[in-house]
Structure formats: C-alpha cells, structure tokens
C-alpha cells in the first residue's frame, strides 16, 4: 500500500511539474505581483485557462487522496499540504485577473 501511495505521489508531482513547466513557457514575466491593467486579452484568457486546468488537477489530487489511506499518515498529510499549496496558488492567480466586468 505504501509503495502504491509513493508511486501515486511521484505521478502527481510529475504532473504538477509538467503543468508548471507548461505555464512557465506560456506565461507572462513572473515579476507581476498585482493585477495588471495592461494585461492583453490573450494573457487574461491564458491565465483563466491555466486556472481551470489547475483546478481540475487539484480536484483529481483530492480524489486520489481519498484512496491513499484511511488513517492520517505522514504521506497522506504531505498530500494534503500539497493540495492546500496548489489551492493557495490558484487563489493568488485568480487575484491577478482583472474584474470579469472589464471585458
């Protein structure tokens, strides 16, 4: 069971790393820390699409977490921490978006 959970963990890490690499290639410069009124329509659409993909991956991670173990093991706790981290990142990215009525 632990071996299967470890494989699942590494698979999720690779999936998340791939998503981050894809986002890094297509994203605007990372120096932007607040909503940018100068974001182009394409950048806003790309950010919204990235957020949707990330939410789907986090949902899959939460579903997979239910199958790891019924007890609170260190591995399960680590999965939960990573899910919380990704949720925080998604909220941060959503704050980067201009208000929806600006379109």
Protein backbone atom coordinates (compact mmCIF):
# COMPACT_ATOMS: atom_id res chain seq x y z
CA UNK A 1 0.00 0.00 0.00
CA UNK A 2 2.81 2.42 0.84
CA UNK A 3 4.54 1.58 -2.43
CA UNK A 4 1.37 2.32 -4.38
CA UNK A 5 0.94 5.61 -2.49
CA UNK A 6 4.55 6.55 -3.23
CA UNK A 7 4.04 5.87 -6.93
CA UNK A 8 0.87 7.96 -6.87
CA UNK A 9 2.75 10.75 -5.11
CA UNK A 10 5.50 10.81 -7.72
CA UNK A 11 2.98 10.67 -10.56
CA UNK A 12 1.18 13.67 -9.11
CA UNK A 13 4.47 15.52 -8.67
CA UNK A 14 5.43 14.88 -12.28
CA UNK A 15 2.00 16.02 -13.47
CA UNK A 16 2.25 19.19 -11.40
CA UNK A 17 5.82 19.82 -12.59
CA UNK A 18 4.72 19.40 -16.19
CA UNK A 19 1.88 21.87 -15.69
CA UNK A 20 4.24 24.36 -14.09
CA UNK A 21 6.74 23.98 -16.93
CA UNK A 22 4.00 24.50 -19.49
CA UNK A 23 2.77 27.57 -17.62
CA UNK A 24 6.29 28.96 -17.35
CA UNK A 25 6.75 28.69 -21.12
CA UNK A 26 3.47 30.42 -21.94
CA UNK A 27 3.06 32.82 -19.00
CA UNK A 28 3.92 36.49 -18.76
CA UNK A 29 7.08 37.51 -16.86
CA UNK A 30 6.81 36.35 -13.22
CA UNK A 31 7.61 39.82 -11.85
CA UNK A 32 3.89 40.76 -11.98
CA UNK A 33 2.63 40.66 -8.40
CA UNK A 34 -0.64 42.55 -8.65
CA UNK A 35 -3.46 42.74 -11.14
CA UNK A 36 -2.10 44.38 -14.24
CA UNK A 37 -4.45 46.75 -16.02
CA UNK A 38 -2.23 46.36 -19.08
CA UNK A 39 -2.82 42.62 -19.49
CA UNK A 40 -3.82 41.79 -23.02
CA UNK A 41 -6.99 39.88 -23.72
CA UNK A 42 -4.91 36.85 -24.74
CA UNK A 43 -2.96 36.91 -21.45
CA UNK A 44 -6.19 37.08 -19.46
CA UNK A 45 -7.67 34.19 -21.44
CA UNK A 46 -4.48 32.14 -20.99
CA UNK A 47 -4.48 32.80 -17.25
CA UNK A 48 -8.14 31.78 -16.97
CA UNK A 49 -7.41 28.57 -18.91
CA UNK A 50 -4.42 27.80 -16.66
CA UNK A 51 -6.58 28.30 -13.58
CA UNK A 52 -9.24 25.93 -14.92
CA UNK A 53 -6.60 23.25 -15.65
CA UNK A 54 -5.05 23.69 -12.22
CA UNK A 55 -8.44 23.40 -10.51
CA UNK A 56 -9.09 20.17 -12.40
CA UNK A 57 -5.72 18.75 -11.36
CA UNK A 58 -6.28 19.71 -7.72
CA UNK A 59 -9.68 18.02 -7.85
CA UNK A 60 -8.03 14.86 -9.21
CA UNK A 61 -5.44 15.05 -6.42
CA UNK A 62 -8.21 15.29 -3.82
CA UNK A 63 -9.99 12.29 -5.33
CA UNK A 64 -6.76 10.29 -5.36
CA UNK A 65 -6.05 11.30 -1.76
CA UNK A 66 -9.21 9.51 -0.68
CA UNK A 67 -7.67 6.24 -1.91
CA UNK A 68 -4.26 6.65 -0.22
CA UNK A 69 -5.13 5.53 3.30
CA UNK A 70 -7.95 5.96 5.79
CA UNK A 71 -5.59 6.87 8.63
CA UNK A 72 -3.65 10.11 8.95
CA UNK A 73 -0.21 9.01 7.81
CA UNK A 74 2.71 11.35 7.10
CA UNK A 75 2.30 10.62 3.39
CA UNK A 76 -1.39 11.50 3.44
CA UNK A 77 -0.60 14.65 5.39
CA UNK A 78 2.00 15.61 2.78
CA UNK A 79 -0.55 15.12 0.01
CA UNK A 80 -3.00 17.36 1.86
CA UNK A 81 -0.34 20.04 2.34
CA UNK A 82 0.44 20.00 -1.38
CA UNK A 83 -3.24 20.25 -2.26
CA UNK A 84 -3.55 23.24 0.08
CA UNK A 85 -0.49 24.80 -1.54
CA UNK A 86 -1.97 24.47 -5.03
CA UNK A 87 -5.31 25.89 -3.84
CA UNK A 88 -3.46 28.90 -2.42
CA UNK A 89 -1.62 29.35 -5.72
CA UNK A 90 -4.92 29.22 -7.63
CA UNK A 91 -6.43 31.90 -5.38
CA UNK A 92 -3.33 34.04 -5.95
CA UNK A 93 -3.66 33.60 -9.72
CA UNK A 94 -7.36 34.47 -9.60
CA UNK A 95 -6.45 37.73 -7.86
CA UNK A 96 -4.16 38.50 -10.82
CA UNK A 97 -7.17 38.53 -13.14
CA UNK A 98 -8.91 41.79 -13.91
CA UNK A 99 -12.56 42.01 -12.84
CA UNK A 100 -14.87 39.99 -15.09
CA UNK A 101 -16.98 43.03 -15.99
CA UNK A 102 -13.92 44.75 -17.54
CA UNK A 103 -14.38 42.71 -20.74
